[in-house]
PDB file of all heavy atoms in Angstrom:
ATOM      1  N   ALA A   1      27.478  22.713 -43.858  1.00  0.00           N
ATOM      2  CA  ALA A   1      26.835  22.087 -42.656  1.00  0.00           C
ATOM      3  C   ALA A   1      26.864  23.106 -41.517  1.00  0.00           C
ATOM      4  O   ALA A   1      27.869  23.768 -41.322  1.00  0.00           O
ATOM      5  CB  ALA A   1      27.543  20.801 -42.287  1.00  0.00           C
ATOM      6  N   GLY A   2      25.795  23.170 -40.801  1.00  0.00           N
ATOM      7  CA  GLY A   2      25.685  24.133 -39.721  1.00  0.00           C
ATOM      8  C   GLY A   2      26.430  23.735 -38.458  1.00  0.00           C
ATOM      9  O   GLY A   2      27.012  22.657 -38.358  1.00  0.00           O
ATOM     10  N   THR A   3      26.441  24.649 -37.479  1.00  0.00           N
ATOM     11  CA  THR A   3      27.093  24.406 -36.218  1.00  0.00           C
ATOM     12  C   THR A   3      26.492  23.241 -35.517  1.00  0.00           C
ATOM     13  O   THR A   3      25.243  23.107 -35.494  1.00  0.00           O
ATOM     14  CB  THR A   3      27.006  25.647 -35.311  1.00  0.00           C
ATOM     15  OG1 THR A   3      27.584  26.743 -36.007  1.00  0.00           O
ATOM     16  CG2 THR A   3      27.762  25.438 -34.039  1.00  0.00           C
ATOM     17  N   GLY A   4      27.294  22.367 -34.955  1.00  0.00           N
ATOM     18  CA  GLY A   4      26.795  21.223 -34.154  1.00  0.00           C
ATOM     19  C   GLY A   4      26.673  19.896 -34.959  1.00  0.00           C
ATOM     20  O   GLY A   4      26.378  18.871 -34.357  1.00  0.00           O
ATOM     21  N   VAL A   5      26.942  19.975 -36.225  1.00  0.00           N
ATOM     22  CA  VAL A   5      26.911  18.799 -37.057  1.00  0.00           C
ATOM     23  C   VAL A   5      28.073  17.843 -36.757  1.00  0.00           C
ATOM     24  O   VAL A   5      27.989  16.626 -36.779  1.00  0.00           O
ATOM     25  CB  VAL A   5      26.840  19.100 -38.575  1.00  0.00           C
ATOM     26  CG1 VAL A   5      27.099  17.851 -39.419  1.00  0.00           C
ATOM     27  CG2 VAL A   5      25.498  19.741 -38.967  1.00  0.00           C
ATOM     28  N   GLY A   6      29.173  18.439 -36.359  1.00  0.00           N
ATOM     29  CA  GLY A   6      30.380  17.670 -36.106  1.00  0.00           C
ATOM     30  C   GLY A   6      31.215  17.440 -37.356  1.00  0.00           C
ATOM     31  O   GLY A   6      31.570  16.325 -37.717  1.00  0.00           O
ATOM     32  N   LYS A   7      31.502  18.569 -38.023  1.00  0.00           N
ATOM     33  CA  LYS A   7      32.136  18.483 -39.370  1.00  0.00           C
ATOM     34  C   LYS A   7      33.555  17.899 -39.332  1.00  0.00           C
ATOM     35  O   LYS A   7      33.931  17.131 -40.162  1.00  0.00           O
ATOM     36  CB  LYS A   7      32.161  19.909 -39.963  1.00  0.00           C
ATOM     37  CG  LYS A   7      30.818  20.472 -40.274  1.00  0.00           C
ATOM     38  CD  LYS A   7      30.900  21.839 -40.971  1.00  0.00           C
ATOM     39  CE  LYS A   7      31.364  22.923 -40.050  1.00  0.00           C
ATOM     40  NZ  LYS A   7      30.334  23.207 -39.018  1.00  0.00           N
ATOM     41  N   SER A   8      34.292  18.300 -38.267  1.00  0.00           N
ATOM     42  CA  SER A   8      35.732  17.840 -38.295  1.00  0.00           C
ATOM     43  C   SER A   8      35.844  16.330 -38.159  1.00  0.00           C
ATOM     44  O   SER A   8      36.681  15.697 -38.867  1.00  0.00           O
ATOM     45  CB  SER A   8      36.494  18.497 -37.148  1.00  0.00           C
ATOM     46  OG  SER A   8      35.910  18.228 -35.923  1.00  0.00           O
ATOM     47  N   LEU A   9      34.967  15.721 -37.362  1.00  0.00           N
ATOM     48  CA  LEU A   9      34.968  14.202 -37.294  1.00  0.00           C
ATOM     49  C   LEU A   9      34.473  13.618 -38.566  1.00  0.00           C
ATOM     50  O   LEU A   9      34.910  12.625 -39.015  1.00  0.00           O
ATOM     51  CB  LEU A   9      34.117  13.749 -36.127  1.00  0.00           C
ATOM     52  CG  LEU A   9      34.746  13.852 -34.715  1.00  0.00           C
ATOM     53  CD1 LEU A   9      33.758  13.291 -33.695  1.00  0.00           C
ATOM     54  CD2 LEU A   9      36.033  13.079 -34.664  1.00  0.00           C
ATOM     55  N   ALA A  10      33.428  14.254 -39.188  1.00  0.00           N
ATOM     56  CA  ALA A  10      32.777  13.757 -40.392  1.00  0.00           C
ATOM     57  C   ALA A  10      33.747  13.688 -41.557  1.00  0.00           C
ATOM     58  O   ALA A  10      33.627  12.821 -42.454  1.00  0.00           O
ATOM     59  CB  ALA A  10      31.536  14.563 -40.733  1.00  0.00           C
ATOM     60  N   TYR A  11      34.743  14.597 -41.649  1.00  0.00           N
ATOM     61  CA  TYR A  11      35.672  14.569 -42.771  1.00  0.00           C
ATOM     62  C   TYR A  11      36.966  13.858 -42.325  1.00  0.00           C
ATOM     63  O   TYR A  11      37.617  13.181 -43.136  1.00  0.00           O
ATOM     64  CB  TYR A  11      35.929  15.929 -43.387  1.00  0.00           C
ATOM     65  CG  TYR A  11      36.599  16.963 -42.510  1.00  0.00           C
ATOM     66  CD1 TYR A  11      37.943  16.796 -42.146  1.00  0.00           C
ATOM     67  CD2 TYR A  11      35.932  18.094 -42.177  1.00  0.00           C
ATOM     68  CE1 TYR A  11      38.584  17.807 -41.400  1.00  0.00           C
ATOM     69  CE2 TYR A  11      36.563  19.111 -41.415  1.00  0.00           C
ATOM     70  CZ  TYR A  11      37.872  18.927 -41.032  1.00  0.00           C
ATOM     71  OH  TYR A  11      38.506  19.930 -40.281  1.00  0.00           O
ATOM     72  N   SER A  12      37.392  14.050 -41.093  1.00  0.00           N
ATOM     73  CA  SER A  12      38.722  13.526 -40.747  1.00  0.00           C
ATOM     74  C   SER A  12      38.772  12.017 -40.659  1.00  0.00           C
ATOM     75  O   SER A  12      39.780  11.420 -41.127  1.00  0.00           O
ATOM     76  CB  SER A  12      39.242  14.164 -39.421  1.00  0.00           C
ATOM     77  OG  SER A  12      38.321  13.915 -38.364  1.00  0.00           O
ATOM     78  N   ILE A  13      37.772  11.393 -40.096  1.00  0.00           N
ATOM     79  CA  ILE A  13      37.807   9.948 -39.959  1.00  0.00           C
ATOM     80  C   ILE A  13      37.832   9.222 -41.357  1.00  0.00           C
ATOM     81  O   ILE A  13      38.694   8.436 -41.578  1.00  0.00           O
ATOM     82  CB  ILE A  13      36.642   9.410 -39.123  1.00  0.00           C
ATOM     83  CG1 ILE A  13      36.692  10.015 -37.715  1.00  0.00           C
ATOM     84  CG2 ILE A  13      36.680   7.870 -39.039  1.00  0.00           C
ATOM     85  CD1 ILE A  13      35.512   9.642 -36.822  1.00  0.00           C
ATOM     86  N   PRO A  14      36.868   9.561 -42.225  1.00  0.00           N
ATOM     87  CA  PRO A  14      36.900   8.892 -43.550  1.00  0.00           C
ATOM     88  C   PRO A  14      38.219   9.260 -44.356  1.00  0.00           C
ATOM     89  O   PRO A  14      38.782   8.400 -45.041  1.00  0.00           O
ATOM     90  CB  PRO A  14      35.671   9.445 -44.277  1.00  0.00           C
ATOM     91  CG  PRO A  14      34.779   9.925 -43.159  1.00  0.00           C
ATOM     92  CD  PRO A  14      35.682  10.384 -42.091  1.00  0.00           C
ATOM     93  N   ALA A  15      38.629  10.492 -44.233  1.00  0.00           N
ATOM     94  CA  ALA A  15      39.827  10.913 -44.987  1.00  0.00           C
ATOM     95  C   ALA A  15      41.087  10.183 -44.534  1.00  0.00           C
ATOM     96  O   ALA A  15      41.860   9.723 -45.324  1.00  0.00           O
ATOM     97  CB  ALA A  15      40.013  12.427 -44.855  1.00  0.00           C
ATOM     98  N   ILE A  16      41.256  10.119 -43.199  1.00  0.00           N
ATOM     99  CA  ILE A  16      42.419   9.395 -42.683  1.00  0.00           C
ATOM    100  C   ILE A  16      42.375   7.919 -43.033  1.00  0.00           C
ATOM    101  O   ILE A  16      43.383   7.299 -43.404  1.00  0.00           O
ATOM    102  CB  ILE A  16      42.495   9.638 -41.178  1.00  0.00           C
ATOM    103  CG1 ILE A  16      42.827  11.108 -40.862  1.00  0.00           C
ATOM    104  CG2 ILE A  16      43.669   8.791 -40.559  1.00  0.00           C
ATOM    105  CD1 ILE A  16      42.655  11.500 -39.403  1.00  0.00           C
ATOM    106  N   SER A  17      41.193   7.308 -42.776  1.00  0.00           N
ATOM    107  CA  SER A  17      41.065   5.885 -43.128  1.00  0.00           C
ATOM    108  C   SER A  17      41.344   5.624 -44.551  1.00  0.00           C
ATOM    109  O   SER A  17      42.009   4.701 -44.924  1.00  0.00           O
ATOM    110  CB  SER A  17      39.627   5.442 -42.783  1.00  0.00           C
ATOM    111  OG  SER A  17      39.431   4.089 -43.155  1.00  0.00           O
ATOM    112  N   MET A  18      40.855   6.511 -45.437  1.00  0.00           N
ATOM    113  CA  MET A  18      41.032   6.362 -46.930  1.00  0.00           C
ATOM    114  C   MET A  18      42.507   6.530 -47.253  1.00  0.00           C
ATOM    115  O   MET A  18      43.089   5.772 -48.089  1.00  0.00           O
ATOM    116  CB  MET A  18      40.233   7.396 -47.668  1.00  0.00           C
ATOM    117  CG  MET A  18      40.308   7.300 -49.161  1.00  0.00           C
ATOM    118  SD  MET A  18      39.272   5.957 -49.778  1.00  0.00           S
ATOM    119  CE  MET A  18      37.643   6.455 -49.260  1.00  0.00           C
ATOM    120  N   ALA A  19      43.177   7.566 -46.638  1.00  0.00           N
ATOM    121  CA  ALA A  19      44.614   7.774 -46.950  1.00  0.00           C
ATOM    122  C   ALA A  19      45.471   6.591 -46.507  1.00  0.00           C
ATOM    123  O   ALA A  19      46.412   6.199 -47.284  1.00  0.00           O
ATOM    124  CB  ALA A  19      45.069   9.068 -46.217  1.00  0.00           C
ATOM    125  N   LEU A  20      45.189   6.035 -45.360  1.00  0.00           N
ATOM    126  CA  LEU A  20      45.968   4.917 -44.881  1.00  0.00           C
ATOM    127  C   LEU A  20      45.762   3.694 -45.793  1.00  0.00           C
ATOM    128  O   LEU A  20      46.713   2.943 -46.097  1.00  0.00           O
ATOM    129  CB  LEU A  20      45.605   4.566 -43.463  1.00  0.00           C
ATOM    130  CG  LEU A  20      45.932   5.628 -42.382  1.00  0.00           C
ATOM    131  CD1 LEU A  20      45.383   5.232 -41.066  1.00  0.00           C
ATOM    132  CD2 LEU A  20      47.429   5.859 -42.300  1.00  0.00           C
ATOM    133  N   ALA A  21      44.515   3.494 -46.257  1.00  0.00           N
ATOM    134  CA  ALA A  21      44.202   2.382 -47.156  1.00  0.00           C
ATOM    135  C   ALA A  21      44.951   2.548 -48.503  1.00  0.00           C
ATOM    136  O   ALA A  21      45.339   1.572 -49.137  1.00  0.00           O
ATOM    137  CB  ALA A  21      42.741   2.196 -47.310  1.00  0.00           C
ATOM    138  N   ARG A  22      45.003   3.786 -48.983  1.00  0.00           N
ATOM    139  CA  ARG A  22      45.520   4.071 -50.325  1.00  0.00           C
ATOM    140  C   ARG A  22      47.001   4.396 -50.328  1.00  0.00           C
ATOM    141  O   ARG A  22      47.595   4.709 -51.360  1.00  0.00           O
ATOM    142  CB  ARG A  22      44.735   5.153 -50.986  1.00  0.00           C
ATOM    143  CG  ARG A  22      43.248   4.849 -51.147  1.00  0.00           C
ATOM    144  CD  ARG A  22      42.519   5.848 -51.987  1.00  0.00           C
ATOM    145  NE  ARG A  22      43.018   5.907 -53.370  1.00  0.00           N
ATOM    146  CZ  ARG A  22      42.543   6.626 -54.343  1.00  0.00           C
ATOM    147  NH1 ARG A  22      41.494   7.437 -54.099  1.00  0.00           N
ATOM    148  NH2 ARG A  22      43.066   6.623 -55.518  1.00  0.00           N
ATOM    149  N   GLY A  23      47.632   4.430 -49.124  1.00  0.00           N
ATOM    150  CA  GLY A  23      49.081   4.724 -49.032  1.00  0.00           C
ATOM    151  C   GLY A  23      49.407   6.177 -49.418  1.00  0.00           C
ATOM    152  O   GLY A  23      50.438   6.434 -49.966  1.00  0.00           O
ATOM    153  N   THR A  24      48.501   7.096 -49.041  1.00  0.00           N
ATOM    154  CA  THR A  24      48.767   8.494 -49.308  1.00  0.00           C
ATOM    155  C   THR A  24      48.629   9.311 -48.012  1.00  0.00           C
ATOM    156  O   THR A  24      48.547   8.766 -46.921  1.00  0.00           O
ATOM    157  CB  THR A  24      47.853   9.044 -50.466  1.00  0.00           C
ATOM    158  OG1 THR A  24      48.263  10.350 -50.785  1.00  0.00           O
ATOM    159  CG2 THR A  24      46.397   9.043 -49.977  1.00  0.00           C
ATOM    160  N   ARG A  25      48.493  10.604 -48.202  1.00  0.00           N
ATOM    161  CA  ARG A  25      48.415  11.520 -46.976  1.00  0.00           C
ATOM    162  C   ARG A  25      47.220  12.427 -47.088  1.00  0.00           C
ATOM    163  O   ARG A  25      46.645  12.636 -48.170  1.00  0.00           O
ATOM    164  CB  ARG A  25      49.697  12.338 -46.766  1.00  0.00           C
ATOM    165  CG  ARG A  25      50.925  11.473 -46.644  1.00  0.00           C
ATOM    166  CD  ARG A  25      52.054  12.223 -45.967  1.00  0.00           C
ATOM    167  NE  ARG A  25      52.756  13.086 -46.895  1.00  0.00           N
ATOM    168  CZ  ARG A  25      53.761  13.915 -46.446  1.00  0.00           C
ATOM    169  NH1 ARG A  25      54.069  14.045 -45.216  1.00  0.00           N
ATOM    170  NH2 ARG A  25      54.383  14.686 -47.354  1.00  0.00           N
ATOM    171  N   VAL A  26      46.848  12.983 -45.930  1.00  0.00           N
ATOM    172  CA  VAL A  26      45.768  13.921 -45.866  1.00  0.00           C
ATOM    173  C   VAL A  26      46.268  15.316 -45.474  1.00  0.00           C
ATOM    174  O   VAL A  26      47.072  15.438 -44.535  1.00  0.00           O
ATOM    175  CB  VAL A  26      44.706  13.536 -44.776  1.00  0.00           C
ATOM    176  CG1 VAL A  26      43.573  14.561 -44.709  1.00  0.00           C
ATOM    177  CG2 VAL A  26      44.148  12.148 -45.035  1.00  0.00           C
ATOM    178  N   LEU A  27      45.894  16.326 -46.254  1.00  0.00           N
ATOM    179  CA  LEU A  27      46.199  17.712 -45.916  1.00  0.00           C
ATOM    180  C   LEU A  27      44.913  18.423 -45.568  1.00  0.00           C
ATOM    181  O   LEU A  27      44.036  18.513 -46.409  1.00  0.00           O
ATOM    182  CB  LEU A  27      46.901  18.344 -47.101  1.00  0.00           C
ATOM    183  CG  LEU A  27      47.203  19.855 -47.015  1.00  0.00           C
ATOM    184  CD1 LEU A  27      48.081  20.184 -45.805  1.00  0.00           C
ATOM    185  CD2 LEU A  27      47.879  20.385 -48.268  1.00  0.00           C
ATOM    186  N   ILE A  28      44.818  18.905 -44.336  1.00  0.00           N
ATOM    187  CA  ILE A  28      43.644  19.651 -43.888  1.00  0.00           C
ATOM    188  C   ILE A  28      43.987  21.117 -43.743  1.00  0.00           C
ATOM    189  O   ILE A  28      44.975  21.425 -43.019  1.00  0.00           O
ATOM    190  CB  ILE A  28      43.156  19.114 -42.510  1.00  0.00           C
ATOM    191  CG1 ILE A  28      42.775  17.623 -42.599  1.00  0.00           C
ATOM    192  CG2 ILE A  28      41.895  19.899 -42.037  1.00  0.00           C
ATOM    193  CD1 ILE A  28      42.435  16.998 -41.252  1.00  0.00           C
ATOM    194  N   SER A  29      43.353  21.946 -44.466  1.00  0.00           N
ATOM    195  CA  SER A  29      43.627  23.385 -44.469  1.00  0.00           C
ATOM    196  C   SER A  29      42.466  24.124 -43.826  1.00  0.00           C
ATOM    197  O   SER A  29      41.307  23.943 -44.153  1.00  0.00           O
ATOM    198  CB  SER A  29      43.869  23.898 -45.878  1.00  0.00           C
ATOM    199  OG  SER A  29      44.157  25.309 -45.833  1.00  0.00           O
ATOM    200  N   THR A  30      42.767  25.004 -42.837  1.00  0.00           N
ATOM    201  CA  THR A  30      41.748  25.815 -42.171  1.00  0.00           C
ATOM    202  C   THR A  30      42.021  27.279 -42.365  1.00  0.00           C
ATOM    203  O   THR A  30      43.085  27.694 -42.850  1.00  0.00           O
ATOM    204  CB  THR A  30      41.709  25.489 -40.669  1.00  0.00           C
ATOM    205  OG1 THR A  30      42.807  26.164 -40.043  1.00  0.00           O
ATOM    206  CG2 THR A  30      41.823  23.997 -40.395  1.00  0.00           C
ATOM    207  N   ALA A  31      41.040  28.086 -41.956  1.00  0.00           N
ATOM    208  CA  ALA A  31      41.251  29.524 -42.072  1.00  0.00           C
ATOM    209  C   ALA A  31      41.632  30.170 -40.729  1.00  0.00           C
ATOM    210  O   ALA A  31      42.240  31.262 -40.737  1.00  0.00           O
ATOM    211  CB  ALA A  31      39.933  30.223 -42.579  1.00  0.00           C
ATOM    212  N   THR A  32      41.332  29.508 -39.606  1.00  0.00           N
ATOM    213  CA  THR A  32      41.579  30.147 -38.346  1.00  0.00           C
ATOM    214  C   THR A  32      42.528  29.286 -37.481  1.00  0.00           C
ATOM    215  O   THR A  32      42.573  28.028 -37.578  1.00  0.00           O
ATOM    216  CB  THR A  32      40.245  30.284 -37.562  1.00  0.00           C
ATOM    217  OG1 THR A  32      39.685  29.010 -37.321  1.00  0.00           O
ATOM    218  CG2 THR A  32      39.273  31.171 -38.352  1.00  0.00           C
ATOM    219  N   VAL A  33      43.262  29.981 -36.612  1.00  0.00           N
ATOM    220  CA  VAL A  33      44.152  29.284 -35.665  1.00  0.00           C
ATOM    221  C   VAL A  33      43.347  28.452 -34.726  1.00  0.00           C
ATOM    222  O   VAL A  33      43.768  27.353 -34.298  1.00  0.00           O
ATOM    223  CB  VAL A  33      45.033  30.320 -34.911  1.00  0.00           C
ATOM    224  CG1 VAL A  33      45.823  29.704 -33.838  1.00  0.00           C
ATOM    225  CG2 VAL A  33      45.935  31.110 -35.905  1.00  0.00           C
ATOM    226  N   ALA A  34      42.154  28.958 -34.284  1.00  0.00           N
ATOM    227  CA  ALA A  34      41.385  28.239 -33.300  1.00  0.00           C
ATOM    228  C   ALA A  34      41.017  26.826 -33.823  1.00  0.00           C
ATOM    229  O   ALA A  34      41.093  25.848 -33.042  1.00  0.00           O
ATOM    230  CB  ALA A  34      40.087  29.016 -33.040  1.00  0.00           C
ATOM    231  N   LEU A  35      40.693  26.720 -35.036  1.00  0.00           N
ATOM    232  CA  LEU A  35      40.306  25.395 -35.638  1.00  0.00           C
ATOM    233  C   LEU A  35      41.571  24.517 -35.762  1.00  0.00           C
ATOM    234  O   LEU A  35      41.511  23.301 -35.516  1.00  0.00           O
ATOM    235  CB  LEU A  35      39.603  25.552 -36.969  1.00  0.00           C
ATOM    236  CG  LEU A  35      39.170  24.243 -37.626  1.00  0.00           C
ATOM    237  CD1 LEU A  35      38.322  23.403 -36.664  1.00  0.00           C
ATOM    238  CD2 LEU A  35      38.330  24.513 -38.888  1.00  0.00           C
ATOM    239  N   GLN A  36      42.679  25.110 -36.158  1.00  0.00           N
ATOM    240  CA  GLN A  36      43.917  24.358 -36.175  1.00  0.00           C
ATOM    241  C   GLN A  36      44.249  23.768 -34.772  1.00  0.00           C
ATOM    242  O   GLN A  36      44.594  22.567 -34.706  1.00  0.00           O
ATOM    243  CB  GLN A  36      45.087  25.294 -36.613  1.00  0.00           C
ATOM    244  CG  GLN A  36      45.136  25.542 -38.102  1.00  0.00           C
ATOM    245  CD  GLN A  36      46.363  26.417 -38.456  1.00  0.00           C
ATOM    246  OE1 GLN A  36      46.544  27.480 -37.908  1.00  0.00           O
ATOM    247  NE2 GLN A  36      47.152  25.924 -39.326  1.00  0.00           N
ATOM    248  N   GLU A  37      44.142  24.570 -33.818  1.00  0.00           N
ATOM    249  CA  GLU A  37      44.439  24.108 -32.429  1.00  0.00           C
ATOM    250  C   GLU A  37      43.461  23.013 -31.959  1.00  0.00           C
ATOM    251  O   GLU A  37      43.860  22.021 -31.289  1.00  0.00           O
ATOM    252  CB  GLU A  37      44.439  25.279 -31.444  1.00  0.00           C
ATOM    253  CG  GLU A  37      45.572  26.244 -31.690  1.00  0.00           C
ATOM    254  CD  GLU A  37      45.573  27.398 -30.728  1.00  0.00           C
ATOM    255  OE1 GLU A  37      44.533  27.651 -30.133  1.00  0.00           O
ATOM    256  OE2 GLU A  37      46.570  28.166 -30.650  1.00  0.00           O
ATOM    257  N   GLN A  38      42.231  23.158 -32.378  1.00  0.00           N
ATOM    258  CA  GLN A  38      41.198  22.120 -32.009  1.00  0.00           C
ATOM    259  C   GLN A  38      41.579  20.803 -32.679  1.00  0.00           C
ATOM    260  O   GLN A  38      41.514  19.747 -32.049  1.00  0.00           O
ATOM    261  CB  GLN A  38      39.867  22.548 -32.478  1.00  0.00           C
ATOM    262  CG  GLN A  38      38.769  21.508 -32.272  1.00  0.00           C
ATOM    263  CD  GLN A  38      37.457  21.784 -32.961  1.00  0.00           C
ATOM    264  OE1 GLN A  38      37.009  22.949 -32.921  1.00  0.00           O
ATOM    265  NE2 GLN A  38      36.845  20.801 -33.578  1.00  0.00           N
ATOM    266  N   LEU A  39      41.992  20.856 -33.928  1.00  0.00           N
ATOM    267  CA  LEU A  39      42.321  19.632 -34.642  1.00  0.00           C
ATOM    268  C   LEU A  39      43.586  18.980 -34.073  1.00  0.00           C
ATOM    269  O   LEU A  39      43.600  17.779 -33.801  1.00  0.00           O
ATOM    270  CB  LEU A  39      42.528  19.914 -36.158  1.00  0.00           C
ATOM    271  CG  LEU A  39      41.294  20.262 -36.950  1.00  0.00           C
ATOM    272  CD1 LEU A  39      41.668  20.856 -38.308  1.00  0.00           C
ATOM    273  CD2 LEU A  39      40.444  18.992 -37.178  1.00  0.00           C
ATOM    274  N   VAL A  40      44.604  19.808 -33.880  1.00  0.00           N
ATOM    275  CA  VAL A  40      45.929  19.243 -33.465  1.00  0.00           C
ATOM    276  C   VAL A  40      45.930  18.853 -31.980  1.00  0.00           C
ATOM    277  O   VAL A  40      46.614  17.858 -31.567  1.00  0.00           O
ATOM    278  CB  VAL A  40      47.018  20.276 -33.803  1.00  0.00           C
ATOM    279  CG1 VAL A  40      48.360  19.788 -33.171  1.00  0.00           C
ATOM    280  CG2 VAL A  40      47.166  20.423 -35.261  1.00  0.00           C
ATOM    281  N   ASN A  41      45.246  19.619 -31.150  1.00  0.00           N
ATOM    282  CA  ASN A  41      45.292  19.403 -29.685  1.00  0.00           C
ATOM    283  C   ASN A  41      44.166  18.506 -29.187  1.00  0.00           C
ATOM    284  O   ASN A  41      44.321  17.981 -28.062  1.00  0.00           O
ATOM    285  CB  ASN A  41      45.339  20.703 -28.942  1.00  0.00           C
ATOM    286  CG  ASN A  41      46.531  21.544 -29.292  1.00  0.00           C
ATOM    287  OD1 ASN A  41      47.626  21.064 -29.552  1.00  0.00           O
ATOM    288  ND2 ASN A  41      46.375  22.880 -29.327  1.00  0.00           N
ATOM    289  N   LYS A  42      43.104  18.357 -29.931  1.00  0.00           N
ATOM    290  CA  LYS A  42      41.949  17.669 -29.450  1.00  0.00           C
ATOM    291  C   LYS A  42      41.498  16.519 -30.348  1.00  0.00           C
ATOM    292  O   LYS A  42      41.552  15.330 -29.979  1.00  0.00           O
ATOM    293  CB  LYS A  42      40.752  18.584 -29.171  1.00  0.00           C
ATOM    294  CG  LYS A  42      39.524  17.937 -28.619  1.00  0.00           C
ATOM    295  CD  LYS A  42      38.399  18.955 -28.463  1.00  0.00           C
ATOM    296  CE  LYS A  42      37.130  18.301 -28.006  1.00  0.00           C
ATOM    297  NZ  LYS A  42      36.018  19.288 -27.911  1.00  0.00           N
TER     298      LYS A  42
END
């Protein structure tokens, strides 16, 4: 998906909702520190 699609919301909301419903956890792996900080801080 290209820039501006909103990928982090598109995967994080369904993944977290699914994990909570199934009693498991979500592991999100990124390549850059910038994206890690965006996820954790924003």
